[in-house]
Amino acid sequence: MIDKIKEKLKDKIKEIKIHNERRIYLTIDKNDLKDAVNVIFNELGARYQIVTGIENFNNFELLYHFSFDKENGTIVSLRTFLEKEKPEIESLTSIIPGISYIEREIWELLGINFVGHPNLKHFLLRDDWKEGVYPLRKGVKTDGK
């Protein structure tokens, strides 16, 4: 599977980490992510699982997890990093409509803007939650006040 992915994505892959034969991490620049997801999801037929958002000390990290169920369940995670000062990335709802909900969740809990998302509004938090307060960011009080 990794050879097919490398052939398709070529220089879009900045780093490959093979955790084991069924768990692969690929670091992709945020500007190449949409193309990489299109290849993984549409061309190679992987099943979208979920997106994970993490706040690191110097940046935000997003991991887009896909499973190749027909290839012994190999899981490929596309990893990209966002600047802390302006964490935003293009929404992938045009490729995977079901990604809409997790993008909304990450937006409201971490404050990452998904540019072009058709419906960025509260998903888990109260409607009166204070704007600009993201409960999963380091050092934030979680009462929404």
N, C-alpha and C. Protein backbone atom coordinates (compact mmCIF):
# COMPACT_ATOMS: atom_id res chain seq x y z
N MET A 1 0.82 -1.20 0.00
CA MET A 1 0.00 0.00 0.00
C MET A 1 0.86 1.26 0.00
N ILE A 2 1.92 1.27 0.79
CA ILE A 2 2.75 2.46 0.87
C ILE A 2 3.37 2.81 -0.47
N ASP A 3 3.69 1.80 -1.28
CA ASP A 3 4.28 2.07 -2.60
C ASP A 3 3.27 2.77 -3.52
N LYS A 4 2.00 2.35 -3.47
CA LYS A 4 0.96 3.00 -4.26
C LYS A 4 0.80 4.46 -3.84
N ILE A 5 0.80 4.69 -2.54
CA ILE A 5 0.63 6.04 -2.01
C ILE A 5 1.81 6.91 -2.42
N LYS A 6 3.02 6.40 -2.27
CA LYS A 6 4.22 7.17 -2.64
C LYS A 6 4.22 7.49 -4.13
N GLU A 7 3.79 6.56 -4.94
CA GLU A 7 3.73 6.78 -6.39
C GLU A 7 2.74 7.90 -6.73
N LYS A 8 1.60 7.92 -6.05
CA LYS A 8 0.57 8.92 -6.33
C LYS A 8 0.90 10.30 -5.76
N LEU A 9 1.42 10.34 -4.53
CA LEU A 9 1.62 11.62 -3.85
C LEU A 9 3.01 12.22 -4.08
N LYS A 10 3.96 11.40 -4.43
CA LYS A 10 5.33 11.84 -4.74
C LYS A 10 5.86 12.87 -3.73
N ASP A 11 6.19 14.07 -4.23
CA ASP A 11 6.85 15.07 -3.38
C ASP A 11 5.89 15.79 -2.44
N LYS A 12 4.61 15.45 -2.45
CA LYS A 12 3.67 16.01 -1.47
C LYS A 12 3.93 15.42 -0.08
N ILE A 13 4.58 14.27 -0.05
CA ILE A 13 4.91 13.63 1.23
C ILE A 13 6.20 14.24 1.76
N LYS A 14 6.11 14.88 2.92
CA LYS A 14 7.29 15.49 3.54
C LYS A 14 8.03 14.49 4.42
N GLU A 15 7.27 13.56 5.01
CA GLU A 15 7.88 12.57 5.91
C GLU A 15 6.98 11.34 5.96
N ILE A 16 7.60 10.17 6.07
CA ILE A 16 6.86 8.92 6.24
C ILE A 16 7.34 8.27 7.53
N LYS A 17 6.39 7.89 8.36
CA LYS A 17 6.73 7.15 9.57
C LYS A 17 5.89 5.87 9.55
N ILE A 18 6.57 4.75 9.48
CA ILE A 18 5.89 3.45 9.49
C ILE A 18 5.98 2.90 10.91
N HIS A 19 4.87 3.01 11.62
CA HIS A 19 4.82 2.56 13.00
C HIS A 19 4.90 1.03 13.06
N ASN A 20 4.12 0.39 12.20
CA ASN A 20 4.21 -1.05 11.97
C ASN A 20 3.61 -1.31 10.59
N GLU A 21 3.49 -2.56 10.18
CA GLU A 21 3.04 -2.87 8.82
C GLU A 21 1.60 -2.42 8.53
N ARG A 22 0.83 -2.12 9.57
CA ARG A 22 -0.56 -1.70 9.36
C ARG A 22 -0.86 -0.29 9.87
N ARG A 23 0.19 0.47 10.21
CA ARG A 23 -0.02 1.82 10.75
C ARG A 23 1.04 2.75 10.17
N ILE A 24 0.60 3.68 9.30
CA ILE A 24 1.52 4.56 8.57
C ILE A 24 1.10 6.02 8.78
N TYR A 25 2.08 6.87 9.04
CA TYR A 25 1.85 8.30 9.18
C TYR A 25 2.59 9.03 8.06
N LEU A 26 1.86 9.90 7.37
CA LEU A 26 2.46 10.70 6.30
C LEU A 26 2.30 12.18 6.65
N THR A 27 3.39 12.92 6.69
CA THR A 27 3.32 14.35 6.93
C THR A 27 3.16 15.05 5.59
N ILE A 28 2.13 15.89 5.52
CA ILE A 28 1.75 16.59 4.29
C ILE A 28 1.63 18.08 4.62
N ASP A 29 2.12 18.94 3.74
CA ASP A 29 1.92 20.38 3.93
C ASP A 29 0.44 20.68 3.85
N LYS A 30 -0.02 21.65 4.63
CA LYS A 30 -1.46 21.96 4.65
C LYS A 30 -1.98 22.37 3.28
N ASN A 31 -1.13 22.95 2.45
CA ASN A 31 -1.56 23.36 1.11
C ASN A 31 -1.70 22.19 0.14
N ASP A 32 -1.14 21.04 0.50
CA ASP A 32 -1.25 19.83 -0.33
C ASP A 32 -2.26 18.83 0.23
N LEU A 33 -2.84 19.15 1.38
CA LEU A 33 -3.70 18.18 2.06
C LEU A 33 -4.92 17.79 1.22
N LYS A 34 -5.57 18.75 0.63
CA LYS A 34 -6.79 18.45 -0.14
C LYS A 34 -6.49 17.48 -1.28
N ASP A 35 -5.38 17.70 -1.99
CA ASP A 35 -4.99 16.79 -3.06
C ASP A 35 -4.67 15.41 -2.51
N ALA A 36 -3.97 15.36 -1.39
CA ALA A 36 -3.60 14.08 -0.79
C ALA A 36 -4.83 13.30 -0.33
N VAL A 37 -5.78 13.99 0.28
CA VAL A 37 -7.02 13.34 0.72
C VAL A 37 -7.80 12.83 -0.48
N ASN A 38 -7.85 13.59 -1.54
CA ASN A 38 -8.54 13.15 -2.75
C ASN A 38 -7.93 11.86 -3.29
N VAL A 39 -6.62 11.77 -3.29
CA VAL A 39 -5.94 10.55 -3.76
C VAL A 39 -6.25 9.38 -2.84
N ILE A 40 -6.07 9.57 -1.54
CA ILE A 40 -6.27 8.49 -0.56
C ILE A 40 -7.73 8.02 -0.56
N PHE A 41 -8.66 8.97 -0.55
CA PHE A 41 -10.07 8.64 -0.40
C PHE A 41 -10.72 8.22 -1.72
N ASN A 42 -10.55 9.02 -2.76
CA ASN A 42 -11.24 8.75 -4.02
C ASN A 42 -10.48 7.81 -4.95
N GLU A 43 -9.20 8.06 -5.15
CA GLU A 43 -8.44 7.24 -6.10
C GLU A 43 -8.06 5.87 -5.54
N LEU A 44 -7.62 5.84 -4.28
CA LEU A 44 -7.17 4.58 -3.69
C LEU A 44 -8.24 3.88 -2.86
N GLY A 45 -9.37 4.53 -2.65
CA GLY A 45 -10.52 3.88 -2.03
C GLY A 45 -10.45 3.63 -0.54
N ALA A 46 -9.69 4.45 0.19
CA ALA A 46 -9.63 4.28 1.64
C ALA A 46 -10.92 4.77 2.27
N ARG A 47 -11.23 4.23 3.43
CA ARG A 47 -12.41 4.64 4.19
C ARG A 47 -11.98 5.73 5.18
N TYR A 48 -12.67 6.87 5.14
CA TYR A 48 -12.41 7.94 6.10
C TYR A 48 -12.86 7.47 7.47
N GLN A 49 -12.01 7.69 8.48
CA GLN A 49 -12.36 7.33 9.85
C GLN A 49 -12.70 8.56 10.69
N ILE A 50 -11.72 9.44 10.88
CA ILE A 50 -11.91 10.59 11.77
C ILE A 50 -10.75 11.55 11.58
N VAL A 51 -10.89 12.75 12.13
CA VAL A 51 -9.79 13.72 12.19
C VAL A 51 -9.51 13.98 13.66
N THR A 52 -8.24 14.05 14.00
CA THR A 52 -7.82 14.35 15.36
C THR A 52 -7.12 15.70 15.36
N GLY A 53 -7.48 16.58 16.28
CA GLY A 53 -6.82 17.88 16.41
C GLY A 53 -6.08 17.96 17.72
N ILE A 54 -4.85 18.48 17.68
CA ILE A 54 -4.00 18.55 18.87
C ILE A 54 -3.34 19.93 18.92
N GLU A 55 -3.29 20.52 20.09
CA GLU A 55 -2.50 21.73 20.27
C GLU A 55 -1.13 21.34 20.82
N ASN A 56 -0.10 21.63 20.07
CA ASN A 56 1.28 21.44 20.52
C ASN A 56 1.78 22.76 21.08
N PHE A 57 3.01 22.79 21.55
CA PHE A 57 3.55 24.03 22.11
C PHE A 57 3.67 25.13 21.06
N ASN A 58 4.10 24.78 19.85
CA ASN A 58 4.38 25.80 18.84
C ASN A 58 3.41 25.82 17.67
N ASN A 59 2.49 24.85 17.61
CA ASN A 59 1.59 24.77 16.46
C ASN A 59 0.39 23.90 16.81
N PHE A 60 -0.50 23.78 15.84
CA PHE A 60 -1.59 22.82 15.93
C PHE A 60 -1.30 21.69 14.95
N GLU A 61 -1.76 20.52 15.29
CA GLU A 61 -1.54 19.34 14.45
C GLU A 61 -2.90 18.71 14.16
N LEU A 62 -3.12 18.40 12.89
CA LEU A 62 -4.31 17.66 12.49
C LEU A 62 -3.88 16.34 11.88
N LEU A 63 -4.57 15.27 12.29
CA LEU A 63 -4.33 13.94 11.74
C LEU A 63 -5.62 13.44 11.11
N TYR A 64 -5.56 13.18 9.83
CA TYR A 64 -6.71 12.67 9.07
C TYR A 64 -6.50 11.17 8.91
N HIS A 65 -7.34 10.36 9.56
CA HIS A 65 -7.16 8.92 9.61
C HIS A 65 -8.03 8.21 8.56
N PHE A 66 -7.39 7.32 7.80
CA PHE A 66 -8.06 6.54 6.77
C PHE A 66 -7.69 5.08 6.92
N SER A 67 -8.64 4.20 6.59
CA SER A 67 -8.40 2.76 6.67
C SER A 67 -8.55 2.13 5.29
N PHE A 68 -7.58 1.32 4.94
CA PHE A 68 -7.63 0.53 3.71
C PHE A 68 -8.15 -0.85 4.10
N ASP A 69 -9.46 -0.96 4.21
CA ASP A 69 -10.08 -2.18 4.70
C ASP A 69 -9.77 -3.39 3.82
N LYS A 70 -9.65 -3.18 2.53
CA LYS A 70 -9.36 -4.29 1.61
C LYS A 70 -7.88 -4.64 1.59
N GLU A 71 -7.06 -3.85 2.23
CA GLU A 71 -5.62 -4.08 2.29
C GLU A 71 -5.22 -4.46 3.72
N ASN A 72 -5.90 -5.43 4.29
CA ASN A 72 -5.57 -5.92 5.63
C ASN A 72 -5.79 -4.85 6.71
N GLY A 73 -6.65 -3.88 6.43
CA GLY A 73 -6.98 -2.87 7.44
C GLY A 73 -5.87 -1.89 7.74
N THR A 74 -4.97 -1.68 6.81
CA THR A 74 -3.90 -0.72 7.02
C THR A 74 -4.50 0.67 7.26
N ILE A 75 -4.00 1.34 8.29
CA ILE A 75 -4.47 2.68 8.62
C ILE A 75 -3.38 3.68 8.24
N VAL A 76 -3.77 4.65 7.44
CA VAL A 76 -2.87 5.72 7.02
C VAL A 76 -3.40 7.03 7.61
N SER A 77 -2.52 7.73 8.30
CA SER A 77 -2.87 9.02 8.88
C SER A 77 -2.08 10.11 8.17
N LEU A 78 -2.82 11.06 7.60
CA LEU A 78 -2.19 12.23 6.98
C LEU A 78 -2.05 13.29 8.06
N ARG A 79 -0.84 13.72 8.28
CA ARG A 79 -0.52 14.63 9.38
C ARG A 79 -0.11 15.98 8.80
N THR A 80 -0.71 17.05 9.31
CA THR A 80 -0.34 18.39 8.86
C THR A 80 -0.30 19.32 10.06
N PHE A 81 0.44 20.40 9.91
CA PHE A 81 0.64 21.35 11.00
C PHE A 81 0.13 22.73 10.60
N LEU A 82 -0.42 23.45 11.57
CA LEU A 82 -0.96 24.79 11.35
C LEU A 82 -0.29 25.77 12.30
N GLU A 83 -0.15 27.00 11.84
CA GLU A 83 0.46 28.04 12.65
C GLU A 83 -0.43 28.36 13.85
N LYS A 84 0.18 28.64 14.99
CA LYS A 84 -0.59 29.00 16.19
C LYS A 84 -1.29 30.34 16.01
N GLU A 85 -0.63 31.29 15.32
CA GLU A 85 -1.16 32.65 15.21
C GLU A 85 -2.45 32.70 14.40
N LYS A 86 -2.56 31.90 13.37
CA LYS A 86 -3.75 31.90 12.52
C LYS A 86 -4.04 30.46 12.07
N PRO A 87 -4.59 29.66 12.98
CA PRO A 87 -4.80 28.24 12.64
C PRO A 87 -6.00 28.08 11.71
N GLU A 88 -5.69 27.87 10.45
CA GLU A 88 -6.77 27.62 9.49
C GLU A 88 -6.29 26.71 8.38
N ILE A 89 -7.26 26.04 7.79
CA ILE A 89 -7.00 25.08 6.73
C ILE A 89 -8.27 24.96 5.90
N GLU A 90 -8.12 24.57 4.66
CA GLU A 90 -9.28 24.42 3.80
C GLU A 90 -10.16 23.26 4.26
N SER A 91 -11.45 23.48 4.28
CA SER A 91 -12.40 22.42 4.64
C SER A 91 -12.36 21.32 3.58
N LEU A 92 -12.57 20.10 4.01
CA LEU A 92 -12.59 18.96 3.08
C LEU A 92 -14.01 18.44 2.84
N THR A 93 -15.00 19.26 3.18
CA THR A 93 -16.39 18.82 3.00
C THR A 93 -16.75 18.58 1.54
N SER A 94 -16.04 19.21 0.61
CA SER A 94 -16.33 18.98 -0.81
C SER A 94 -15.88 17.60 -1.27
N ILE A 95 -14.95 17.00 -0.55
CA ILE A 95 -14.48 15.64 -0.88
C ILE A 95 -15.21 14.61 -0.04
N ILE A 96 -15.32 14.89 1.27
CA ILE A 96 -15.94 13.96 2.21
C ILE A 96 -17.03 14.71 2.97
N PRO A 97 -18.28 14.66 2.52
CA PRO A 97 -19.34 15.42 3.20
C PRO A 97 -19.45 15.10 4.70
N GLY A 98 -19.21 13.88 5.10
CA GLY A 98 -19.33 13.47 6.49
C GLY A 98 -18.28 14.06 7.41
N ILE A 99 -17.27 14.69 6.84
CA ILE A 99 -16.22 15.31 7.65
C ILE A 99 -16.70 16.60 8.29
N SER A 100 -17.85 17.06 7.86
CA SER A 100 -18.42 18.32 8.33
C SER A 100 -18.52 18.39 9.85
N TYR A 101 -18.98 17.31 10.46
CA TYR A 101 -19.22 17.33 11.90
C TYR A 101 -17.93 17.42 12.71
N ILE A 102 -16.90 16.70 12.33
CA ILE A 102 -15.66 16.75 13.10
C ILE A 102 -14.94 18.08 12.86
N GLU A 103 -15.08 18.65 11.66
CA GLU A 103 -14.51 19.97 11.45
C GLU A 103 -15.19 20.99 12.36
N ARG A 104 -16.50 20.89 12.51
CA ARG A 104 -17.22 21.79 13.42
C ARG A 104 -16.74 21.59 14.86
N GLU A 105 -16.57 20.36 15.27
CA GLU A 105 -16.13 20.06 16.63
C GLU A 105 -14.73 20.64 16.89
N ILE A 106 -13.82 20.42 15.96
CA ILE A 106 -12.46 20.93 16.11
C ILE A 106 -12.45 22.46 16.10
N TRP A 107 -13.29 23.05 15.26
CA TRP A 107 -13.40 24.51 15.20
C TRP A 107 -13.81 25.08 16.56
N GLU A 108 -14.86 24.52 17.15
CA GLU A 108 -15.35 25.11 18.39
C GLU A 108 -14.51 24.74 19.60
N LEU A 109 -13.84 23.60 19.61
CA LEU A 109 -13.07 23.18 20.77
C LEU A 109 -11.61 23.65 20.74
N LEU A 110 -11.04 23.77 19.52
CA LEU A 110 -9.64 24.20 19.39
C LEU A 110 -9.48 25.55 18.69
N GLY A 111 -10.52 26.01 18.01
CA GLY A 111 -10.43 27.29 17.34
C GLY A 111 -9.73 27.25 15.99
N ILE A 112 -9.70 26.10 15.36
CA ILE A 112 -9.11 25.98 14.02
C ILE A 112 -10.20 26.30 13.01
N ASN A 113 -9.93 27.26 12.14
CA ASN A 113 -10.90 27.67 11.14
C ASN A 113 -10.79 26.77 9.90
N PHE A 114 -11.91 26.21 9.49
CA PHE A 114 -11.96 25.39 8.28
C PHE A 114 -12.56 26.24 7.17
N VAL A 115 -11.68 26.83 6.37
CA VAL A 115 -12.07 27.77 5.33
C VAL A 115 -12.94 27.07 4.29
N GLY A 116 -14.10 27.67 4.01
CA GLY A 116 -15.02 27.11 3.03
C GLY A 116 -16.01 26.11 3.60
N HIS A 117 -15.97 25.90 4.91
CA HIS A 117 -16.94 24.98 5.53
C HIS A 117 -18.34 25.57 5.36
N PRO A 118 -19.32 24.77 4.96
CA PRO A 118 -20.65 25.32 4.67
C PRO A 118 -21.49 25.68 5.89
N ASN A 119 -21.06 25.27 7.11
CA ASN A 119 -21.95 25.47 8.26
C ASN A 119 -21.16 25.48 9.57
N LEU A 120 -20.16 26.34 9.71
CA LEU A 120 -19.40 26.39 10.95
C LEU A 120 -20.23 27.07 12.03
N LYS A 121 -20.82 26.26 12.88
CA LYS A 121 -21.59 26.76 14.02
C LYS A 121 -21.43 25.76 15.14
N HIS A 122 -21.86 26.15 16.34
CA HIS A 122 -21.68 25.28 17.50
C HIS A 122 -22.28 23.90 17.25
N PHE A 123 -21.56 22.92 17.74
CA PHE A 123 -21.96 21.53 17.59
C PHE A 123 -22.11 20.86 18.95
N LEU A 124 -21.16 21.12 19.85
CA LEU A 124 -21.16 20.51 21.18
C LEU A 124 -21.41 21.53 22.31
N LEU A 125 -20.93 22.73 22.12
CA LEU A 125 -21.03 23.74 23.17
C LEU A 125 -22.36 24.48 23.13
N ARG A 126 -22.67 25.15 24.24
CA ARG A 126 -23.89 25.95 24.30
C ARG A 126 -23.86 27.05 23.24
N ASP A 127 -25.02 27.46 22.79
CA ASP A 127 -25.10 28.53 21.80
C ASP A 127 -24.58 29.86 22.34
N ASP A 128 -24.63 30.05 23.66
CA ASP A 128 -24.15 31.30 24.24
C ASP A 128 -22.70 31.21 24.71
N TRP A 129 -21.97 30.19 24.26
CA TRP A 129 -20.57 30.04 24.64
C TRP A 129 -19.79 31.27 24.19
N LYS A 130 -18.93 31.79 25.04
CA LYS A 130 -18.19 33.01 24.74
C LYS A 130 -17.31 32.83 23.50
N GLU A 131 -17.45 33.75 22.56
CA GLU A 131 -16.67 33.71 21.33
C GLU A 131 -15.17 33.85 21.64
N GLY A 132 -14.35 33.05 20.98
CA GLY A 132 -12.90 33.11 21.16
C GLY A 132 -12.38 32.29 22.32
N VAL A 133 -13.25 31.58 23.03
CA VAL A 133 -12.83 30.70 24.13
C VAL A 133 -12.94 29.26 23.62
N TYR A 134 -11.79 28.60 23.54
CA TYR A 134 -11.74 27.24 22.99
C TYR A 134 -11.31 26.27 24.09
N PRO A 135 -12.22 25.44 24.59
CA PRO A 135 -11.96 24.65 25.80
C PRO A 135 -10.83 23.63 25.72
N LEU A 136 -10.40 23.22 24.53
CA LEU A 136 -9.30 22.25 24.47
C LEU A 136 -7.93 22.91 24.28
N ARG A 137 -7.90 24.23 24.28
CA ARG A 137 -6.61 24.92 24.20
C ARG A 137 -5.98 24.95 25.59
N LYS A 138 -4.67 24.89 25.61
CA LYS A 138 -3.92 24.90 26.86
C LYS A 138 -4.23 26.16 27.66
N GLY A 139 -4.50 26.00 28.94
CA GLY A 139 -4.68 27.12 29.85
C GLY A 139 -6.02 27.84 29.77
N VAL A 140 -7.02 27.26 29.14
CA VAL A 140 -8.32 27.90 29.01
C VAL A 140 -9.26 27.35 30.06
N LYS A 141 -9.96 28.25 30.75
CA LYS A 141 -11.00 27.83 31.68
C LYS A 141 -12.17 27.31 30.85
N THR A 142 -12.78 26.23 31.29
CA THR A 142 -13.79 25.58 30.46
C THR A 142 -15.23 25.91 30.83
N ASP A 143 -15.44 26.97 31.59
CA ASP A 143 -16.83 27.31 31.92
C ASP A 143 -17.49 28.19 30.86
N GLY A 144 -16.73 28.62 29.85
CA GLY A 144 -17.29 29.40 28.75
C GLY A 144 -17.55 30.84 29.09
N LYS A 145 -17.03 31.31 30.22
CA LYS A 145 -17.29 32.70 30.65
C LYS A 145 -16.03 33.52 30.56
